[in-house]
ModelCIF file with pLDDT and N, C-alpha, C, O atoms, coordinates in Angstrom:
data_MODEL
#
_entry.id   MODEL 
#
_entity.id                         1 
_entity.type                       polymer 
_entity.pdbx_number_of_molecules   1 
#
_entity_poly.entity_id                      1 
_entity_poly.type                           'polypeptide(L)' 
_entity_poly.nstd_linkage                   no 
_entity_poly.nstd_monomer                   no 
_entity_poly.pdbx_seq_one_letter_code       LQSSPAGGVSANVVVAKDGTGNYRTVSEAVKAAPSY 
_entity_poly.pdbx_seq_one_letter_code_can   LQSSPAGGVSANVVVAKDGTGNYRTVSEAVKAAPSY 
_entity_poly.pdbx_strand_id                 A 
#
loop_
_entity_poly_seq.entity_id 
_entity_poly_seq.num 
_entity_poly_seq.mon_id 
_entity_poly_seq.hetero 
1 1  LEU n 
1 2  GLN n 
1 3  SER n 
1 4  SER n 
1 5  PRO n 
1 6  ALA n 
1 7  GLY n 
1 8  GLY n 
1 9  VAL n 
1 10 SER n 
1 11 ALA n 
1 12 ASN n 
1 13 VAL n 
1 14 VAL n 
1 15 VAL n 
1 16 ALA n 
1 17 LYS n 
1 18 ASP n 
1 19 GLY n 
1 20 THR n 
1 21 GLY n 
1 22 ASN n 
1 23 TYR n 
1 24 ARG n 
1 25 THR n 
1 26 VAL n 
1 27 SER n 
1 28 GLU n 
1 29 ALA n 
1 30 VAL n 
1 31 LYS n 
1 32 ALA n 
1 33 ALA n 
1 34 PRO n 
1 35 SER n 
1 36 TYR n 
#
_struct_asym.id          A 
_struct_asym.entity_id   1 
#
loop_
_ma_qa_metric.id 
_ma_qa_metric.mode 
_ma_qa_metric.name 
_ma_qa_metric.software_group_id 
_ma_qa_metric.type 
1 global pLDDT . pLDDT 
2 local  pLDDT . pLDDT 
#
_ma_qa_metric_global.metric_id      1 
_ma_qa_metric_global.metric_value   88.83 
_ma_qa_metric_global.model_id       1 
_ma_qa_metric_global.ordinal_id     1 
#
loop_
_ma_qa_metric_local.label_asym_id 
_ma_qa_metric_local.label_comp_id 
_ma_qa_metric_local.label_seq_id 
_ma_qa_metric_local.metric_id 
_ma_qa_metric_local.metric_value 
_ma_qa_metric_local.model_id 
_ma_qa_metric_local.ordinal_id 
A LEU 1  2 81.00 1 1  
A GLN 2  2 78.00 1 2  
A SER 3  2 76.00 1 3  
A SER 4  2 69.00 1 4  
A PRO 5  2 62.00 1 5  
A ALA 6  2 58.00 1 6  
A GLY 7  2 58.00 1 7  
A GLY 8  2 65.00 1 8  
A VAL 9  2 72.00 1 9  
A SER 10 2 86.00 1 10 
A ALA 11 2 93.00 1 11 
A ASN 12 2 95.00 1 12 
A VAL 13 2 97.00 1 13 
A VAL 14 2 97.00 1 14 
A VAL 15 2 98.00 1 15 
A ALA 16 2 97.00 1 16 
A LYS 17 2 95.00 1 17 
A ASP 18 2 95.00 1 18 
A GLY 19 2 95.00 1 19 
A THR 20 2 96.00 1 20 
A GLY 21 2 95.00 1 21 
A ASN 22 2 97.00 1 22 
A TYR 23 2 98.00 1 23 
A ARG 24 2 98.00 1 24 
A THR 25 2 98.00 1 25 
A VAL 26 2 98.00 1 26 
A SER 27 2 98.00 1 27 
A GLU 28 2 98.00 1 28 
A ALA 29 2 98.00 1 29 
A VAL 30 2 98.00 1 30 
A LYS 31 2 97.00 1 31 
A ALA 32 2 97.00 1 32 
A ALA 33 2 97.00 1 33 
A PRO 34 2 95.00 1 34 
A SER 35 2 89.00 1 35 
A TYR 36 2 84.00 1 36 
#
loop_
_atom_site.group_PDB 
_atom_site.id 
_atom_site.type_symbol 
_atom_site.label_atom_id 
_atom_site.label_alt_id 
_atom_site.label_comp_id 
_atom_site.label_asym_id 
_atom_site.label_entity_id 
_atom_site.label_seq_id 
_atom_site.pdbx_PDB_ins_code 
_atom_site.Cartn_x 
_atom_site.Cartn_y 
_atom_site.Cartn_z 
_atom_site.occupancy 
_atom_site.B_iso_or_equiv 
_atom_site.pdbx_formal_charge 
_atom_site.auth_seq_id 
_atom_site.auth_comp_id 
_atom_site.auth_asym_id 
_atom_site.auth_atom_id 
_atom_site.pdbx_PDB_model_num 
ATOM 1   N N  . LEU A 1 1  ? 82.005  97.125  78.988 1.00 81.00 ? 1  LEU A N  1 
ATOM 2   C CA . LEU A 1 1  ? 81.664  95.779  79.429 1.00 81.00 ? 1  LEU A CA 1 
ATOM 3   C C  . LEU A 1 1  ? 80.213  95.673  79.855 1.00 81.00 ? 1  LEU A C  1 
ATOM 4   O O  . LEU A 1 1  ? 79.585  94.634  79.652 1.00 81.00 ? 1  LEU A O  1 
ATOM 5   N N  . GLN A 1 2  ? 79.665  96.742  80.448 1.00 78.00 ? 2  GLN A N  1 
ATOM 6   C CA . GLN A 1 2  ? 78.327  96.689  80.976 1.00 78.00 ? 2  GLN A CA 1 
ATOM 7   C C  . GLN A 1 2  ? 77.260  97.255  80.036 1.00 78.00 ? 2  GLN A C  1 
ATOM 8   O O  . GLN A 1 2  ? 76.071  97.251  80.355 1.00 78.00 ? 2  GLN A O  1 
ATOM 9   N N  . SER A 1 3  ? 77.697  97.735  78.885 1.00 76.00 ? 3  SER A N  1 
ATOM 10  C CA . SER A 1 3  ? 76.753  98.357  77.953 1.00 76.00 ? 3  SER A CA 1 
ATOM 11  C C  . SER A 1 3  ? 75.811  97.334  77.345 1.00 76.00 ? 3  SER A C  1 
ATOM 12  O O  . SER A 1 3  ? 75.983  96.129  77.529 1.00 76.00 ? 3  SER A O  1 
ATOM 13  N N  . SER A 1 4  ? 74.818  97.818  76.621 1.00 69.00 ? 4  SER A N  1 
ATOM 14  C CA . SER A 1 4  ? 73.861  96.945  75.965 1.00 69.00 ? 4  SER A CA 1 
ATOM 15  C C  . SER A 1 4  ? 74.591  96.139  74.891 1.00 69.00 ? 4  SER A C  1 
ATOM 16  O O  . SER A 1 4  ? 75.751  96.419  74.589 1.00 69.00 ? 4  SER A O  1 
ATOM 17  N N  . PRO A 1 5  ? 73.908  95.122  74.305 1.00 62.00 ? 5  PRO A N  1 
ATOM 18  C CA . PRO A 1 5  ? 74.555  94.281  73.306 1.00 62.00 ? 5  PRO A CA 1 
ATOM 19  C C  . PRO A 1 5  ? 75.285  95.069  72.239 1.00 62.00 ? 5  PRO A C  1 
ATOM 20  O O  . PRO A 1 5  ? 75.096  96.275  72.082 1.00 62.00 ? 5  PRO A O  1 
ATOM 21  N N  . ALA A 1 6  ? 76.130  94.347  71.506 1.00 58.00 ? 6  ALA A N  1 
ATOM 22  C CA . ALA A 1 6  ? 77.153  94.969  70.688 1.00 58.00 ? 6  ALA A CA 1 
ATOM 23  C C  . ALA A 1 6  ? 76.668  96.080  69.760 1.00 58.00 ? 6  ALA A C  1 
ATOM 24  O O  . ALA A 1 6  ? 77.443  96.971  69.412 1.00 58.00 ? 6  ALA A O  1 
ATOM 25  N N  . GLY A 1 7  ? 75.423  96.044  69.361 1.00 58.00 ? 7  GLY A N  1 
ATOM 26  C CA . GLY A 1 7  ? 74.913  97.111  68.482 1.00 58.00 ? 7  GLY A CA 1 
ATOM 27  C C  . GLY A 1 7  ? 75.057  98.482  69.078 1.00 58.00 ? 7  GLY A C  1 
ATOM 28  O O  . GLY A 1 7  ? 75.153  99.473  68.354 1.00 58.00 ? 7  GLY A O  1 
ATOM 29  N N  . GLY A 1 8  ? 75.075  98.553  70.428 1.00 65.00 ? 8  GLY A N  1 
ATOM 30  C CA . GLY A 1 8  ? 75.179  99.861  71.058 1.00 65.00 ? 8  GLY A CA 1 
ATOM 31  C C  . GLY A 1 8  ? 76.593  100.292 71.353 1.00 65.00 ? 8  GLY A C  1 
ATOM 32  O O  . GLY A 1 8  ? 76.798  101.369 71.913 1.00 65.00 ? 8  GLY A O  1 
ATOM 33  N N  . VAL A 1 9  ? 77.589  99.477  70.991 1.00 72.00 ? 9  VAL A N  1 
ATOM 34  C CA . VAL A 1 9  ? 78.983  99.806  71.261 1.00 72.00 ? 9  VAL A CA 1 
ATOM 35  C C  . VAL A 1 9  ? 79.560  100.579 70.107 1.00 72.00 ? 9  VAL A C  1 
ATOM 36  O O  . VAL A 1 9  ? 79.359  100.231 68.944 1.00 72.00 ? 9  VAL A O  1 
ATOM 37  N N  . SER A 1 10 ? 80.289  101.647 70.441 1.00 86.00 ? 10 SER A N  1 
ATOM 38  C CA . SER A 1 10 ? 80.975  102.419 69.419 1.00 86.00 ? 10 SER A CA 1 
ATOM 39  C C  . SER A 1 10 ? 82.290  101.731 69.110 1.00 86.00 ? 10 SER A C  1 
ATOM 40  O O  . SER A 1 10 ? 83.266  101.878 69.846 1.00 86.00 ? 10 SER A O  1 
ATOM 41  N N  . ALA A 1 11 ? 82.314  100.967 68.005 1.00 93.00 ? 11 ALA A N  1 
ATOM 42  C CA . ALA A 1 11 ? 83.490  100.181 67.667 1.00 93.00 ? 11 ALA A CA 1 
ATOM 43  C C  . ALA A 1 11 ? 84.356  100.914 66.648 1.00 93.00 ? 11 ALA A C  1 
ATOM 44  O O  . ALA A 1 11 ? 83.857  101.713 65.856 1.00 93.00 ? 11 ALA A O  1 
ATOM 45  N N  . ASN A 1 12 ? 85.645  100.639 66.677 1.00 95.00 ? 12 ASN A N  1 
ATOM 46  C CA . ASN A 1 12 ? 86.552  101.206 65.676 1.00 95.00 ? 12 ASN A CA 1 
ATOM 47  C C  . ASN A 1 12 ? 86.362  100.534 64.321 1.00 95.00 ? 12 ASN A C  1 
ATOM 48  O O  . ASN A 1 12 ? 86.395  101.193 63.281 1.00 95.00 ? 12 ASN A O  1 
ATOM 49  N N  . VAL A 1 13 ? 86.162  99.210  64.340 1.00 97.00 ? 13 VAL A N  1 
ATOM 50  C CA . VAL A 1 13 ? 85.914  98.463  63.113 1.00 97.00 ? 13 VAL A CA 1 
ATOM 51  C C  . VAL A 1 13 ? 84.945  97.327  63.405 1.00 97.00 ? 13 VAL A C  1 
ATOM 52  O O  . VAL A 1 13 ? 84.737  96.941  64.556 1.00 97.00 ? 13 VAL A O  1 
ATOM 53  N N  . VAL A 1 14 ? 84.357  96.800  62.333 1.00 97.00 ? 14 VAL A N  1 
ATOM 54  C CA . VAL A 1 14 ? 83.370  95.716  62.447 1.00 97.00 ? 14 VAL A CA 1 
ATOM 55  C C  . VAL A 1 14 ? 83.849  94.543  61.600 1.00 97.00 ? 14 VAL A C  1 
ATOM 56  O O  . VAL A 1 14 ? 84.303  94.712  60.468 1.00 97.00 ? 14 VAL A O  1 
ATOM 57  N N  . VAL A 1 15 ? 83.735  93.354  62.178 1.00 98.00 ? 15 VAL A N  1 
ATOM 58  C CA . VAL A 1 15 ? 84.036  92.102  61.469 1.00 98.00 ? 15 VAL A CA 1 
ATOM 59  C C  . VAL A 1 15 ? 82.704  91.401  61.186 1.00 98.00 ? 15 VAL A C  1 
ATOM 60  O O  . VAL A 1 15 ? 81.881  91.219  62.084 1.00 98.00 ? 15 VAL A O  1 
ATOM 61  N N  . ALA A 1 16 ? 82.507  91.013  59.928 1.00 97.00 ? 16 ALA A N  1 
ATOM 62  C CA . ALA A 1 16 ? 81.278  90.299  59.552 1.00 97.00 ? 16 ALA A CA 1 
ATOM 63  C C  . ALA A 1 16 ? 81.597  89.325  58.427 1.00 97.00 ? 16 ALA A C  1 
ATOM 64  O O  . ALA A 1 16 ? 82.205  89.702  57.425 1.00 97.00 ? 16 ALA A O  1 
ATOM 65  N N  . LYS A 1 17 ? 81.187  88.073  58.593 1.00 95.00 ? 17 LYS A N  1 
ATOM 66  C CA . LYS A 1 17 ? 81.470  87.049  57.570 1.00 95.00 ? 17 LYS A CA 1 
ATOM 67  C C  . LYS A 1 17 ? 80.783  87.357  56.246 1.00 95.00 ? 17 LYS A C  1 
ATOM 68  O O  . LYS A 1 17 ? 81.275  86.970  55.186 1.00 95.00 ? 17 LYS A O  1 
ATOM 69  N N  . ASP A 1 18 ? 79.667  88.040  56.300 1.00 95.00 ? 18 ASP A N  1 
ATOM 70  C CA . ASP A 1 18 ? 78.909  88.286  55.075 1.00 95.00 ? 18 ASP A CA 1 
ATOM 71  C C  . ASP A 1 18 ? 79.373  89.519  54.307 1.00 95.00 ? 18 ASP A C  1 
ATOM 72  O O  . ASP A 1 18 ? 78.772  89.885  53.297 1.00 95.00 ? 18 ASP A O  1 
ATOM 73  N N  . GLY A 1 19 ? 80.427  90.154  54.775 1.00 95.00 ? 19 GLY A N  1 
ATOM 74  C CA . GLY A 1 19 ? 80.971  91.283  54.046 1.00 95.00 ? 19 GLY A CA 1 
ATOM 75  C C  . GLY A 1 19 ? 80.357  92.621  54.368 1.00 95.00 ? 19 GLY A C  1 
ATOM 76  O O  . GLY A 1 19 ? 80.668  93.617  53.715 1.00 95.00 ? 19 GLY A O  1 
ATOM 77  N N  . THR A 1 20 ? 79.474  92.667  55.378 1.00 96.00 ? 20 THR A N  1 
ATOM 78  C CA . THR A 1 20 ? 78.800  93.939  55.730 1.00 96.00 ? 20 THR A CA 1 
ATOM 79  C C  . THR A 1 20 ? 79.629  94.785  56.680 1.00 96.00 ? 20 THR A C  1 
ATOM 80  O O  . THR A 1 20 ? 79.218  95.888  57.040 1.00 96.00 ? 20 THR A O  1 
ATOM 81  N N  . GLY A 1 21 ? 80.784  94.292  57.091 1.00 95.00 ? 21 GLY A N  1 
ATOM 82  C CA . GLY A 1 21 ? 81.642  95.041  57.992 1.00 95.00 ? 21 GLY A CA 1 
ATOM 83  C C  . GLY A 1 21 ? 82.900  95.513  57.273 1.00 95.00 ? 21 GLY A C  1 
ATOM 84  O O  . GLY A 1 21 ? 82.968  95.518  56.044 1.00 95.00 ? 21 GLY A O  1 
ATOM 85  N N  . ASN A 1 22 ? 83.887  95.907  58.057 1.00 97.00 ? 22 ASN A N  1 
ATOM 86  C CA . ASN A 1 22 ? 85.167  96.345  57.518 1.00 97.00 ? 22 ASN A CA 1 
ATOM 87  C C  . ASN A 1 22 ? 86.053  95.162  57.113 1.00 97.00 ? 22 ASN A C  1 
ATOM 88  O O  . ASN A 1 22 ? 86.866  95.258  56.193 1.00 97.00 ? 22 ASN A O  1 
ATOM 89  N N  . TYR A 1 23 ? 85.874  94.051  57.821 1.00 98.00 ? 23 TYR A N  1 
ATOM 90  C CA . TYR A 1 23 ? 86.687  92.859  57.563 1.00 98.00 ? 23 TYR A CA 1 
ATOM 91  C C  . TYR A 1 23 ? 85.806  91.616  57.664 1.00 98.00 ? 23 TYR A C  1 
ATOM 92  O O  . TYR A 1 23 ? 84.752  91.617  58.301 1.00 98.00 ? 23 TYR A O  1 
ATOM 93  N N  . ARG A 1 24 ? 86.289  90.540  56.999 1.00 98.00 ? 24 ARG A N  1 
ATOM 94  C CA . ARG A 1 24 ? 85.539  89.286  57.057 1.00 98.00 ? 24 ARG A CA 1 
ATOM 95  C C  . ARG A 1 24 ? 86.059  88.321  58.115 1.00 98.00 ? 24 ARG A C  1 
ATOM 96  O O  . ARG A 1 24 ? 85.357  87.384  58.495 1.00 98.00 ? 24 ARG A O  1 
ATOM 97  N N  . THR A 1 25 ? 87.295  88.543  58.599 1.00 98.00 ? 25 THR A N  1 
ATOM 98  C CA . THR A 1 25 ? 87.865  87.662  59.614 1.00 98.00 ? 25 THR A CA 1 
ATOM 99  C C  . THR A 1 25 ? 88.387  88.489  60.787 1.00 98.00 ? 25 THR A C  1 
ATOM 100 O O  . THR A 1 25 ? 88.719  89.667  60.650 1.00 98.00 ? 25 THR A O  1 
ATOM 101 N N  . VAL A 1 26 ? 88.446  87.830  61.947 1.00 98.00 ? 26 VAL A N  1 
ATOM 102 C CA . VAL A 1 26 ? 88.967  88.487  63.143 1.00 98.00 ? 26 VAL A CA 1 
ATOM 103 C C  . VAL A 1 26 ? 90.458  88.774  62.964 1.00 98.00 ? 26 VAL A C  1 
ATOM 104 O O  . VAL A 1 26 ? 90.942  89.830  63.369 1.00 98.00 ? 26 VAL A O  1 
ATOM 105 N N  . SER A 1 27 ? 91.171  87.850  62.367 1.00 98.00 ? 27 SER A N  1 
ATOM 106 C CA . SER A 1 27 ? 92.624  88.023  62.173 1.00 98.00 ? 27 SER A CA 1 
ATOM 107 C C  . SER A 1 27 ? 92.939  89.250  61.339 1.00 98.00 ? 27 SER A C  1 
ATOM 108 O O  . SER A 1 27 ? 93.897  89.965  61.631 1.00 98.00 ? 27 SER A O  1 
ATOM 109 N N  . GLU A 1 28 ? 92.146  89.506  60.304 1.00 98.00 ? 28 GLU A N  1 
ATOM 110 C CA . GLU A 1 28 ? 92.374  90.698  59.470 1.00 98.00 ? 28 GLU A CA 1 
ATOM 111 C C  . GLU A 1 28 ? 92.170  91.967  60.266 1.00 98.00 ? 28 GLU A C  1 
ATOM 112 O O  . GLU A 1 28 ? 92.940  92.916  60.119 1.00 98.00 ? 28 GLU A O  1 
ATOM 113 N N  . ALA A 1 29 ? 91.145  92.006  61.109 1.00 98.00 ? 29 ALA A N  1 
ATOM 114 C CA . ALA A 1 29 ? 90.869  93.186  61.914 1.00 98.00 ? 29 ALA A CA 1 
ATOM 115 C C  . ALA A 1 29 ? 91.994  93.425  62.932 1.00 98.00 ? 29 ALA A C  1 
ATOM 116 O O  . ALA A 1 29 ? 92.407  94.565  63.144 1.00 98.00 ? 29 ALA A O  1 
ATOM 117 N N  . VAL A 1 30 ? 92.482  92.360  63.552 1.00 98.00 ? 30 VAL A N  1 
ATOM 118 C CA . VAL A 1 30 ? 93.568  92.493  64.511 1.00 98.00 ? 30 VAL A CA 1 
ATOM 119 C C  . VAL A 1 30 ? 94.833  92.954  63.824 1.00 98.00 ? 30 VAL A C  1 
ATOM 120 O O  . VAL A 1 30 ? 95.549  93.800  64.360 1.00 98.00 ? 30 VAL A O  1 
ATOM 121 N N  . LYS A 1 31 ? 95.128  92.424  62.655 1.00 97.00 ? 31 LYS A N  1 
ATOM 122 C CA . LYS A 1 31 ? 96.313  92.818  61.913 1.00 97.00 ? 31 LYS A CA 1 
ATOM 123 C C  . LYS A 1 31 ? 96.300  94.290  61.559 1.00 97.00 ? 31 LYS A C  1 
ATOM 124 O O  . LYS A 1 31 ? 97.347  94.936  61.544 1.00 97.00 ? 31 LYS A O  1 
ATOM 125 N N  . ALA A 1 32 ? 95.113  94.831  61.270 1.00 97.00 ? 32 ALA A N  1 
ATOM 126 C CA . ALA A 1 32 ? 94.994  96.237  60.878 1.00 97.00 ? 32 ALA A CA 1 
ATOM 127 C C  . ALA A 1 32 ? 94.953  97.194  62.064 1.00 97.00 ? 32 ALA A C  1 
ATOM 128 O O  . ALA A 1 32 ? 95.041  98.406  61.871 1.00 97.00 ? 32 ALA A O  1 
ATOM 129 N N  . ALA A 1 33 ? 94.822  96.684  63.276 1.00 97.00 ? 33 ALA A N  1 
ATOM 130 C CA . ALA A 1 33 ? 94.745  97.521  64.465 1.00 97.00 ? 33 ALA A CA 1 
ATOM 131 C C  . ALA A 1 33 ? 96.100  98.194  64.733 1.00 97.00 ? 33 ALA A C  1 
ATOM 132 O O  . ALA A 1 33 ? 97.136  97.679  64.312 1.00 97.00 ? 33 ALA A O  1 
ATOM 133 N N  . PRO A 1 34 ? 96.100  99.314  65.412 1.00 95.00 ? 34 PRO A N  1 
ATOM 134 C CA . PRO A 1 34 ? 97.371  100.002 65.735 1.00 95.00 ? 34 PRO A CA 1 
ATOM 135 C C  . PRO A 1 34 ? 98.309  99.076  66.532 1.00 95.00 ? 34 PRO A C  1 
ATOM 136 O O  . PRO A 1 34 ? 97.876  98.359  67.434 1.00 95.00 ? 34 PRO A O  1 
ATOM 137 N N  . SER A 1 35 ? 99.582  99.110  66.181 1.00 89.00 ? 35 SER A N  1 
ATOM 138 C CA . SER A 1 35 ? 100.546 98.273  66.895 1.00 89.00 ? 35 SER A CA 1 
ATOM 139 C C  . SER A 1 35 ? 100.730 98.738  68.332 1.00 89.00 ? 35 SER A C  1 
ATOM 140 O O  . SER A 1 35 ? 100.883 97.921  69.241 1.00 89.00 ? 35 SER A O  1 
ATOM 141 N N  . TYR A 1 36 ? 100.715 100.038 68.534 1.00 84.00 ? 36 TYR A N  1 
ATOM 142 C CA . TYR A 1 36 ? 100.858 100.591 69.885 1.00 84.00 ? 36 TYR A CA 1 
ATOM 143 C C  . TYR A 1 36 ? 99.795  101.682 70.088 1.00 84.00 ? 36 TYR A C  1 
ATOM 144 O O  . TYR A 1 36 ? 99.728  102.287 71.159 1.00 84.00 ? 36 TYR A O  1 
#
């Protein structure tokens, strides 16, 4: 929460509308996340 802007966060996946991430929509990324 206190880290520098998102570029410095170690994320499991990236959402980007332009296709430069793992998914184009937030819903797709949430659906692919572990259930538990």
